[in-house]
């Protein structure tokens, strides 16, 4: 399946069984629909895991637009309060980066007046 959305946070690299590395990140996919005259907006979140190259994690920054291809699944669990919960997951096989992450602000340089020794 193909999913396109924005990263909710920077990716994290974790070590799993057998010293294998996995890149974990979450994608938010925004959608909207009309219900009568009312327009409703919905966000779906996919917890993603990518095993092919942990070096990509440095490029997966919060706010970046990405497109992933992989197997979608659902993980169900019971929360501490006893409520049943579900999480959409994606076992990623391919990632395309489209950018869009906010850039860090560069410090503004102070303007320094230079004095001329020229008479005119």
C-alpha atoms as a PDB file:
ATOM      1  CA  UNK A   1       0.000   0.000   0.000  1.00  0.00           C
ATOM      2  CA  UNK A   2       1.121   3.580  -0.597  1.00  0.00           C
ATOM      3  CA  UNK A   3       0.842   6.226   2.151  1.00  0.00           C
ATOM      4  CA  UNK A   4       1.745   9.911   1.820  1.00  0.00           C
ATOM      5  CA  UNK A   5       1.824  12.207   4.828  1.00  0.00           C
ATOM      6  CA  UNK A   6       3.898  14.252   7.240  1.00  0.00           C
ATOM      7  CA  UNK A   7       6.214  12.950   9.942  1.00  0.00           C
ATOM      8  CA  UNK A   8       4.932  13.717  13.438  1.00  0.00           C
ATOM      9  CA  UNK A   9       8.443  13.602  14.955  1.00  0.00           C
ATOM     10  CA  UNK A  10      11.992  12.758  13.958  1.00  0.00           C
ATOM     11  CA  UNK A  11      12.703   9.093  13.253  1.00  0.00           C
ATOM     12  CA  UNK A  12      14.369   6.897  15.866  1.00  0.00           C
ATOM     13  CA  UNK A  13      16.722   3.973  15.286  1.00  0.00           C
ATOM     14  CA  UNK A  14      16.309   0.985  17.588  1.00  0.00           C
ATOM     15  CA  UNK A  15      18.114  -2.325  17.883  1.00  0.00           C
ATOM     16  CA  UNK A  16      15.965  -5.446  17.774  1.00  0.00           C
ATOM     17  CA  UNK A  17      16.676  -9.197  17.882  1.00  0.00           C
ATOM     18  CA  UNK A  18      20.048 -10.250  16.527  1.00  0.00           C
ATOM     19  CA  UNK A  19      21.478  -6.702  16.598  1.00  0.00           C
ATOM     20  CA  UNK A  20      19.260  -5.776  13.629  1.00  0.00           C
ATOM     21  CA  UNK A  21      18.484  -2.048  13.276  1.00  0.00           C
ATOM     22  CA  UNK A  22      14.992  -0.655  12.654  1.00  0.00           C
ATOM     23  CA  UNK A  23      13.996   2.918  11.860  1.00  0.00           C
ATOM     24  CA  UNK A  24      10.731   3.863  13.563  1.00  0.00           C
ATOM     25  CA  UNK A  25       8.599   6.887  12.737  1.00  0.00           C
ATOM     26  CA  UNK A  26       4.963   7.982  12.620  1.00  0.00           C
ATOM     27  CA  UNK A  27       3.173   9.502   9.633  1.00  0.00           C
ATOM     28  CA  UNK A  28       0.040  11.655   9.900  1.00  0.00           C
ATOM     29  CA  UNK A  29      -2.321  11.493   6.922  1.00  0.00           C
ATOM     30  CA  UNK A  30      -4.904  14.285   6.847  1.00  0.00           C
ATOM     31  CA  UNK A  31      -8.254  13.794   5.165  1.00  0.00           C
ATOM     32  CA  UNK A  32     -11.553  15.658   5.039  1.00  0.00           C
ATOM     33  CA  UNK A  33     -15.129  14.858   4.084  1.00  0.00           C
ATOM     34  CA  UNK A  34     -18.549  16.486   4.083  1.00  0.00           C
ATOM     35  CA  UNK A  35     -21.396  15.391   6.273  1.00  0.00           C
ATOM     36  CA  UNK A  36     -24.321  17.415   4.973  1.00  0.00           C
ATOM     37  CA  UNK A  37     -23.226  21.039   5.046  1.00  0.00           C
ATOM     38  CA  UNK A  38     -20.529  20.388   7.629  1.00  0.00           C
ATOM     39  CA  UNK A  39     -16.956  19.708   6.559  1.00  0.00           C
ATOM     40  CA  UNK A  40     -15.035  17.396   8.873  1.00  0.00           C
ATOM     41  CA  UNK A  41     -11.287  16.868   9.034  1.00  0.00           C
ATOM     42  CA  UNK A  42      -9.704  13.630  10.168  1.00  0.00           C
ATOM     43  CA  UNK A  43      -6.084  12.667  10.788  1.00  0.00           C
ATOM     44  CA  UNK A  44      -4.958   9.035  10.660  1.00  0.00           C
ATOM     45  CA  UNK A  45      -1.615   8.021  12.137  1.00  0.00           C
ATOM     46  CA  UNK A  46       0.565   5.148  10.942  1.00  0.00           C
ATOM     47  CA  UNK A  47       3.389   3.772  13.092  1.00  0.00           C
ATOM     48  CA  UNK A  48       6.061   2.791  10.571  1.00  0.00           C
ATOM     49  CA  UNK A  49       9.078   0.488  10.751  1.00  0.00           C
ATOM     50  CA  UNK A  50      11.846   0.329   8.129  1.00  0.00           C
ATOM     51  CA  UNK A  51      14.622  -2.290   8.268  1.00  0.00           C
ATOM     52  CA  UNK A  52      16.621  -1.718   5.071  1.00  0.00           C
ATOM     53  CA  UNK A  53      18.885   1.256   5.875  1.00  0.00           C
ATOM     54  CA  UNK A  54      19.122   3.000   9.242  1.00  0.00           C
ATOM     55  CA  UNK A  55      21.087   5.871   7.644  1.00  0.00           C
ATOM     56  CA  UNK A  56      17.863   7.354   6.299  1.00  0.00           C
ATOM     57  CA  UNK A  57      16.772   8.257   9.848  1.00  0.00           C
ATOM     58  CA  UNK A  58      18.730  11.529   9.793  1.00  0.00           C
ATOM     59  CA  UNK A  59      16.600  12.720   6.838  1.00  0.00           C
ATOM     60  CA  UNK A  60      13.285  11.794   8.446  1.00  0.00           C
ATOM     61  CA  UNK A  61      12.649  14.969  10.432  1.00  0.00           C
ATOM     62  CA  UNK A  62       9.438  16.271  11.983  1.00  0.00           C
ATOM     63  CA  UNK A  63       7.166  17.911   9.404  1.00  0.00           C
ATOM     64  CA  UNK A  64       8.818  16.327   6.352  1.00  0.00           C
ATOM     65  CA  UNK A  65       6.501  15.004   3.663  1.00  0.00           C
ATOM     66  CA  UNK A  66       7.170  11.355   2.845  1.00  0.00           C
ATOM     67  CA  UNK A  67       5.630   8.642   0.733  1.00  0.00           C
ATOM     68  CA  UNK A  68       6.052   5.075   1.924  1.00  0.00           C
ATOM     69  CA  UNK A  69       5.213   1.765   0.323  1.00  0.00           C
ATOM     70  CA  UNK A  70       4.634  -1.322   2.409  1.00  0.00           C
ATOM     71  CA  UNK A  71       2.293  -3.659   4.267  1.00  0.00           C
ATOM     72  CA  UNK A  72      -0.382  -2.018   6.381  1.00  0.00           C
ATOM     73  CA  UNK A  73      -1.620  -3.707   9.535  1.00  0.00           C
ATOM     74  CA  UNK A  74      -3.453  -3.106  12.795  1.00  0.00           C
ATOM     75  CA  UNK A  75      -2.158  -3.709  16.301  1.00  0.00           C
ATOM     76  CA  UNK A  76      -4.791  -4.004  19.021  1.00  0.00           C
ATOM     77  CA  UNK A  77      -4.212  -3.736  22.755  1.00  0.00           C
ATOM     78  CA  UNK A  78      -5.981  -2.952  26.015  1.00  0.00           C
ATOM     79  CA  UNK A  79      -4.881   0.291  27.708  1.00  0.00           C
ATOM     80  CA  UNK A  80      -4.220   0.597  31.448  1.00  0.00           C
ATOM     81  CA  UNK A  81      -7.701   2.057  31.894  1.00  0.00           C
ATOM     82  CA  UNK A  82      -9.199  -1.116  30.368  1.00  0.00           C
ATOM     83  CA  UNK A  83     -10.209   0.527  27.089  1.00  0.00           C
ATOM     84  CA  UNK A  84      -9.513  -1.360  23.841  1.00  0.00           C
ATOM     85  CA  UNK A  85      -7.201   0.574  21.486  1.00  0.00           C
ATOM     86  CA  UNK A  86      -5.906   0.060  17.988  1.00  0.00           C
ATOM     87  CA  UNK A  87      -2.879   1.338  16.087  1.00  0.00           C
ATOM     88  CA  UNK A  88      -2.383   1.418  12.318  1.00  0.00           C
ATOM     89  CA  UNK A  89       1.055   0.124  11.349  1.00  0.00           C
ATOM     90  CA  UNK A  90       3.109  -0.004   8.171  1.00  0.00           C
ATOM     91  CA  UNK A  91       6.043  -2.341   7.554  1.00  0.00           C
ATOM     92  CA  UNK A  92       7.845  -0.087   5.031  1.00  0.00           C
ATOM     93  CA  UNK A  93       9.688  -1.475   2.009  1.00  0.00           C
ATOM     94  CA  UNK A  94      10.395   1.816   0.199  1.00  0.00           C
ATOM     95  CA  UNK A  95      10.565   5.503   1.202  1.00  0.00           C
ATOM     96  CA  UNK A  96      10.428   8.638  -0.950  1.00  0.00           C
ATOM     97  CA  UNK A  97      11.324  11.985   0.602  1.00  0.00           C
ATOM     98  CA  UNK A  98       9.545  15.104  -0.630  1.00  0.00           C
ATOM     99  CA  UNK A  99      11.000  17.593   1.850  1.00  0.00           C
ATOM    100  CA  UNK A 100       8.782  20.088   3.555  1.00  0.00           C
ATOM    101  CA  UNK A 101      10.412  19.871   6.981  1.00  0.00           C
ATOM    102  CA  UNK A 102      10.807  23.285   8.565  1.00  0.00           C
ATOM    103  CA  UNK A 103      14.385  24.485   8.431  1.00  0.00           C
ATOM    104  CA  UNK A 104      16.189  25.586  11.535  1.00  0.00           C
ATOM    105  CA  UNK A 105      16.411  29.346  11.796  1.00  0.00           C
ATOM    106  CA  UNK A 106      19.833  30.739  11.125  1.00  0.00           C
ATOM    107  CA  UNK A 107      21.052  33.362  13.547  1.00  0.00           C
ATOM    108  CA  UNK A 108      20.722  36.853  12.108  1.00  0.00           C
ATOM    109  CA  UNK A 109      24.023  38.565  11.409  1.00  0.00           C
ATOM    110  CA  UNK A 110      24.444  41.978  12.920  1.00  0.00           C
ATOM    111  CA  UNK A 111      24.985  44.798  10.486  1.00  0.00           C
ATOM    112  CA  UNK A 112      28.301  46.453  11.154  1.00  0.00           C
ATOM    113  CA  UNK A 113      28.923  49.958   9.876  1.00  0.00           C
ATOM    114  CA  UNK A 114      32.253  50.333   8.193  1.00  0.00           C
ATOM    115  CA  UNK A 115      34.006  53.702   8.360  1.00  0.00           C
ATOM    116  CA  UNK A 116      35.621  54.935   5.199  1.00  0.00           C
ATOM    117  CA  UNK A 117      38.862  56.845   5.209  1.00  0.00           C
ATOM    118  CA  UNK A 118      37.895  58.366   1.872  1.00  0.00           C
ATOM    119  CA  UNK A 119      37.213  62.120   1.826  1.00  0.00           C
ATOM    120  CA  UNK A 120      34.143  61.862  -0.460  1.00  0.00           C
END
